[in-house]
Amino acid sequence: MFNELINASDEMNAVSSVENFKIGFRLGVKMMCNSLFYDNNEEFRD
């Protein structure tokens, strides 16, 4: 029974880690896009 608890805890941590990675990746992409575009989103910055 203790091993089942440990396995369930490991699985929850793995799912949480993947979700946190997704959130961080999306935030990073948004930051990169914001740094590449002007406020009007029509032209790239030099």
PDB file of N, CA and C in Angstrom:
ATOM      1  N   MET A   1       0.823  -1.182   0.000  1.00  0.00           N
ATOM      2  CA  MET A   1       0.000   0.000   0.000  1.00  0.00           C
ATOM      3  C   MET A   1       0.883   1.269   0.000  1.00  0.00           C
ATOM      4  N   PHE A   2       1.973   1.220   0.731  1.00  0.00           N
ATOM      5  CA  PHE A   2       2.883   2.367   0.767  1.00  0.00           C
ATOM      6  C   PHE A   2       3.508   2.611  -0.602  1.00  0.00           C
ATOM      7  N   ASN A   3       3.850   1.527  -1.308  1.00  0.00           N
ATOM      8  CA  ASN A   3       4.415   1.665  -2.650  1.00  0.00           C
ATOM      9  C   ASN A   3       3.415   2.303  -3.608  1.00  0.00           C
ATOM     10  N   GLU A   4       2.140   1.978  -3.480  1.00  0.00           N
ATOM     11  CA  GLU A   4       1.105   2.597  -4.308  1.00  0.00           C
ATOM     12  C   GLU A   4       1.031   4.095  -4.044  1.00  0.00           C
ATOM     13  N   LEU A   5       1.152   4.482  -2.796  1.00  0.00           N
ATOM     14  CA  LEU A   5       1.148   5.897  -2.435  1.00  0.00           C
ATOM     15  C   LEU A   5       2.347   6.615  -3.040  1.00  0.00           C
ATOM     16  N   ILE A   6       3.507   5.995  -2.967  1.00  0.00           N
ATOM     17  CA  ILE A   6       4.716   6.580  -3.554  1.00  0.00           C
ATOM     18  C   ILE A   6       4.572   6.708  -5.067  1.00  0.00           C
ATOM     19  N   ASN A   7       4.051   5.673  -5.716  1.00  0.00           N
ATOM     20  CA  ASN A   7       3.863   5.708  -7.166  1.00  0.00           C
ATOM     21  C   ASN A   7       2.864   6.788  -7.571  1.00  0.00           C
ATOM     22  N   ALA A   8       1.779   6.923  -6.825  1.00  0.00           N
ATOM     23  CA  ALA A   8       0.786   7.952  -7.123  1.00  0.00           C
ATOM     24  C   ALA A   8       1.387   9.344  -6.940  1.00  0.00           C
ATOM     25  N   SER A   9       2.189   9.507  -5.916  1.00  0.00           N
ATOM     26  CA  SER A   9       2.849  10.795  -5.676  1.00  0.00           C
ATOM     27  C   SER A   9       3.817  11.125  -6.804  1.00  0.00           C
ATOM     28  N   ASP A  10       4.574  10.143  -7.260  1.00  0.00           N
ATOM     29  CA  ASP A  10       5.506  10.340  -8.379  1.00  0.00           C
ATOM     30  C   ASP A  10       4.758  10.728  -9.650  1.00  0.00           C
ATOM     31  N   GLU A  11       3.632  10.074  -9.888  1.00  0.00           N
ATOM     32  CA  GLU A  11       2.843  10.377 -11.080  1.00  0.00           C
ATOM     33  C   GLU A  11       2.275  11.794 -11.024  1.00  0.00           C
ATOM     34  N   MET A  12       1.808  12.203  -9.863  1.00  0.00           N
ATOM     35  CA  MET A  12       1.293  13.570  -9.705  1.00  0.00           C
ATOM     36  C   MET A  12       2.400  14.600  -9.916  1.00  0.00           C
ATOM     37  N   ASN A  13       3.581  14.329  -9.400  1.00  0.00           N
ATOM     38  CA  ASN A  13       4.716  15.235  -9.599  1.00  0.00           C
ATOM     39  C   ASN A  13       5.106  15.325 -11.065  1.00  0.00           C
ATOM     40  N   ALA A  14       5.061  14.209 -11.784  1.00  0.00           N
ATOM     41  CA  ALA A  14       5.405  14.203 -13.202  1.00  0.00           C
ATOM     42  C   ALA A  14       4.405  15.031 -13.998  1.00  0.00           C
ATOM     43  N   VAL A  15       3.127  14.860 -13.724  1.00  0.00           N
ATOM     44  CA  VAL A  15       2.092  15.622 -14.432  1.00  0.00           C
ATOM     45  C   VAL A  15       2.236  17.103 -14.119  1.00  0.00           C
ATOM     46  N   SER A  16       2.484  17.428 -12.876  1.00  0.00           N
ATOM     47  CA  SER A  16       2.667  18.822 -12.477  1.00  0.00           C
ATOM     48  C   SER A  16       3.871  19.444 -13.168  1.00  0.00           C
ATOM     49  N   SER A  17       4.940  18.686 -13.276  1.00  0.00           N
ATOM     50  CA  SER A  17       6.152  19.190 -13.941  1.00  0.00           C
ATOM     51  C   SER A  17       5.898  19.473 -15.414  1.00  0.00           C
ATOM     52  N   VAL A  18       5.167  18.598 -16.074  1.00  0.00           N
ATOM     53  CA  VAL A  18       4.859  18.800 -17.493  1.00  0.00           C
ATOM     54  C   VAL A  18       3.992  20.044 -17.663  1.00  0.00           C
ATOM     55  N   GLU A  19       3.007  20.216 -16.809  1.00  0.00           N
ATOM     56  CA  GLU A  19       2.138  21.394 -16.900  1.00  0.00           C
ATOM     57  C   GLU A  19       2.921  22.678 -16.646  1.00  0.00           C
ATOM     58  N   ASN A  20       3.815  22.655 -15.683  1.00  0.00           N
ATOM     59  CA  ASN A  20       4.641  23.836 -15.416  1.00  0.00           C
ATOM     60  C   ASN A  20       5.560  24.149 -16.591  1.00  0.00           C
ATOM     61  N   PHE A  21       6.082  23.122 -17.243  1.00  0.00           N
ATOM     62  CA  PHE A  21       6.912  23.330 -18.429  1.00  0.00           C
ATOM     63  C   PHE A  21       6.093  23.983 -19.536  1.00  0.00           C
ATOM     64  N   LYS A  22       4.874  23.503 -19.757  1.00  0.00           N
ATOM     65  CA  LYS A  22       4.011  24.081 -20.788  1.00  0.00           C
ATOM     66  C   LYS A  22       3.742  25.555 -20.521  1.00  0.00           C
ATOM     67  N   ILE A  23       3.444  25.890 -19.278  1.00  0.00           N
ATOM     68  CA  ILE A  23       3.172  27.279 -18.917  1.00  0.00           C
ATOM     69  C   ILE A  23       4.411  28.135 -19.152  1.00  0.00           C
ATOM     70  N   GLY A  24       5.562  27.661 -18.723  1.00  0.00           N
ATOM     71  CA  GLY A  24       6.803  28.406 -18.901  1.00  0.00           C
ATOM     72  C   GLY A  24       7.181  28.559 -20.364  1.00  0.00           C
ATOM     73  N   PHE A  25       6.957  27.518 -21.152  1.00  0.00           N
ATOM     74  CA  PHE A  25       7.280  27.576 -22.580  1.00  0.00           C
ATOM     75  C   PHE A  25       6.400  28.601 -23.274  1.00  0.00           C
ATOM     76  N   ARG A  26       5.113  28.587 -22.978  1.00  0.00           N
ATOM     77  CA  ARG A  26       4.191  29.566 -23.584  1.00  0.00           C
ATOM     78  C   ARG A  26       4.577  30.982 -23.196  1.00  0.00           C
ATOM     79  N   LEU A  27       4.925  31.187 -21.943  1.00  0.00           N
ATOM     80  CA  LEU A  27       5.345  32.508 -21.496  1.00  0.00           C
ATOM     81  C   LEU A  27       6.609  32.947 -22.224  1.00  0.00           C
ATOM     82  N   GLY A  28       7.561  32.052 -22.387  1.00  0.00           N
ATOM     83  CA  GLY A  28       8.785  32.376 -23.101  1.00  0.00           C
ATOM     84  C   GLY A  28       8.522  32.751 -24.547  1.00  0.00           C
ATOM     85  N   VAL A  29       7.625  32.023 -25.208  1.00  0.00           N
ATOM     86  CA  VAL A  29       7.287  32.332 -26.595  1.00  0.00           C
ATOM     87  C   VAL A  29       6.623  33.701 -26.680  1.00  0.00           C
ATOM     88  N   LYS A  30       5.725  33.997 -25.764  1.00  0.00           N
ATOM     89  CA  LYS A  30       5.072  35.310 -25.758  1.00  0.00           C
ATOM     90  C   LYS A  30       6.089  36.426 -25.554  1.00  0.00           C
ATOM     91  N   MET A  31       7.048  36.219 -24.658  1.00  0.00           N
ATOM     92  CA  MET A  31       8.072  37.231 -24.417  1.00  0.00           C
ATOM     93  C   MET A  31       8.932  37.441 -25.654  1.00  0.00           C
ATOM     94  N   MET A  32       9.288  36.347 -26.351  1.00  0.00           N
ATOM     95  CA  MET A  32      10.088  36.468 -27.569  1.00  0.00           C
ATOM     96  C   MET A  32       9.312  37.207 -28.654  1.00  0.00           C
ATOM     97  N   CYS A  33       8.044  36.879 -28.804  1.00  0.00           N
ATOM     98  CA  CYS A  33       7.233  37.549 -29.824  1.00  0.00           C
ATOM     99  C   CYS A  33       7.087  39.028 -29.513  1.00  0.00           C
ATOM    100  N   ASN A  34       6.891  39.366 -28.260  1.00  0.00           N
ATOM    101  CA  ASN A  34       6.762  40.769 -27.885  1.00  0.00           C
ATOM    102  C   ASN A  34       8.051  41.541 -28.140  1.00  0.00           C
ATOM    103  N   SER A  35       9.179  40.878 -28.021  1.00  0.00           N
ATOM    104  CA  SER A  35      10.444  41.578 -28.244  1.00  0.00           C
ATOM    105  C   SER A  35      10.748  41.744 -29.732  1.00  0.00           C
ATOM    106  N   LEU A  36      10.116  40.948 -30.590  1.00  0.00           N
ATOM    107  CA  LEU A  36      10.374  41.019 -32.023  1.00  0.00           C
ATOM    108  C   LEU A  36       9.473  42.011 -32.765  1.00  0.00           C
ATOM    109  N   PHE A  37       8.319  42.270 -32.233  1.00  0.00           N
ATOM    110  CA  PHE A  37       7.340  43.083 -32.944  1.00  0.00           C
ATOM    111  C   PHE A  37       7.191  44.462 -32.314  1.00  0.00           C
ATOM    112  N   TYR A  38       6.867  45.432 -33.160  1.00  0.00           N
ATOM    113  CA  TYR A  38       6.486  46.752 -32.658  1.00  0.00           C
ATOM    114  C   TYR A  38       5.142  46.646 -31.943  1.00  0.00           C
ATOM    115  N   ASP A  39       4.745  47.722 -31.298  1.00  0.00           N
ATOM    116  CA  ASP A  39       3.456  47.723 -30.607  1.00  0.00           C
ATOM    117  C   ASP A  39       2.290  47.511 -31.572  1.00  0.00           C
ATOM    118  N   ASN A  40       2.433  47.985 -32.820  1.00  0.00           N
ATOM    119  CA  ASN A  40       1.350  47.813 -33.779  1.00  0.00           C
ATOM    120  C   ASN A  40       1.416  46.469 -34.506  1.00  0.00           C
ATOM    121  N   ASN A  41       2.402  45.656 -34.202  1.00  0.00           N
ATOM    122  CA  ASN A  41       2.575  44.307 -34.750  1.00  0.00           C
ATOM    123  C   ASN A  41       2.642  44.278 -36.271  1.00  0.00           C
ATOM    124  N   GLU A  42       3.132  45.330 -36.916  1.00  0.00           N
ATOM    125  CA  GLU A  42       3.211  45.363 -38.371  1.00  0.00           C
ATOM    126  C   GLU A  42       4.607  45.109 -38.901  1.00  0.00           C
ATOM    127  N   GLU A  43       5.644  45.485 -38.166  1.00  0.00           N
ATOM    128  CA  GLU A  43       7.003  45.360 -38.675  1.00  0.00           C
ATOM    129  C   GLU A  43       7.913  44.750 -37.605  1.00  0.00           C
ATOM    130  N   PHE A  44       8.993  44.161 -38.094  1.00  0.00           N
ATOM    131  CA  PHE A  44       9.999  43.636 -37.175  1.00  0.00           C
ATOM    132  C   PHE A  44      10.930  44.755 -36.734  1.00  0.00           C
ATOM    133  N   ARG A  45      11.485  44.600 -35.538  1.00  0.00           N
ATOM    134  CA  ARG A  45      12.508  45.523 -35.074  1.00  0.00           C
ATOM    135  C   ARG A  45      13.849  45.136 -35.670  1.00  0.00           C
ATOM    136  N   ASP A  46      14.712  46.102 -35.830  1.00  0.00           N
ATOM    137  CA  ASP A  46      16.063  45.817 -36.332  1.00  0.00           C
ATOM    138  C   ASP A  46      16.982  45.437 -35.201  1.00  0.00           C
TER     139      ASP A  46
END
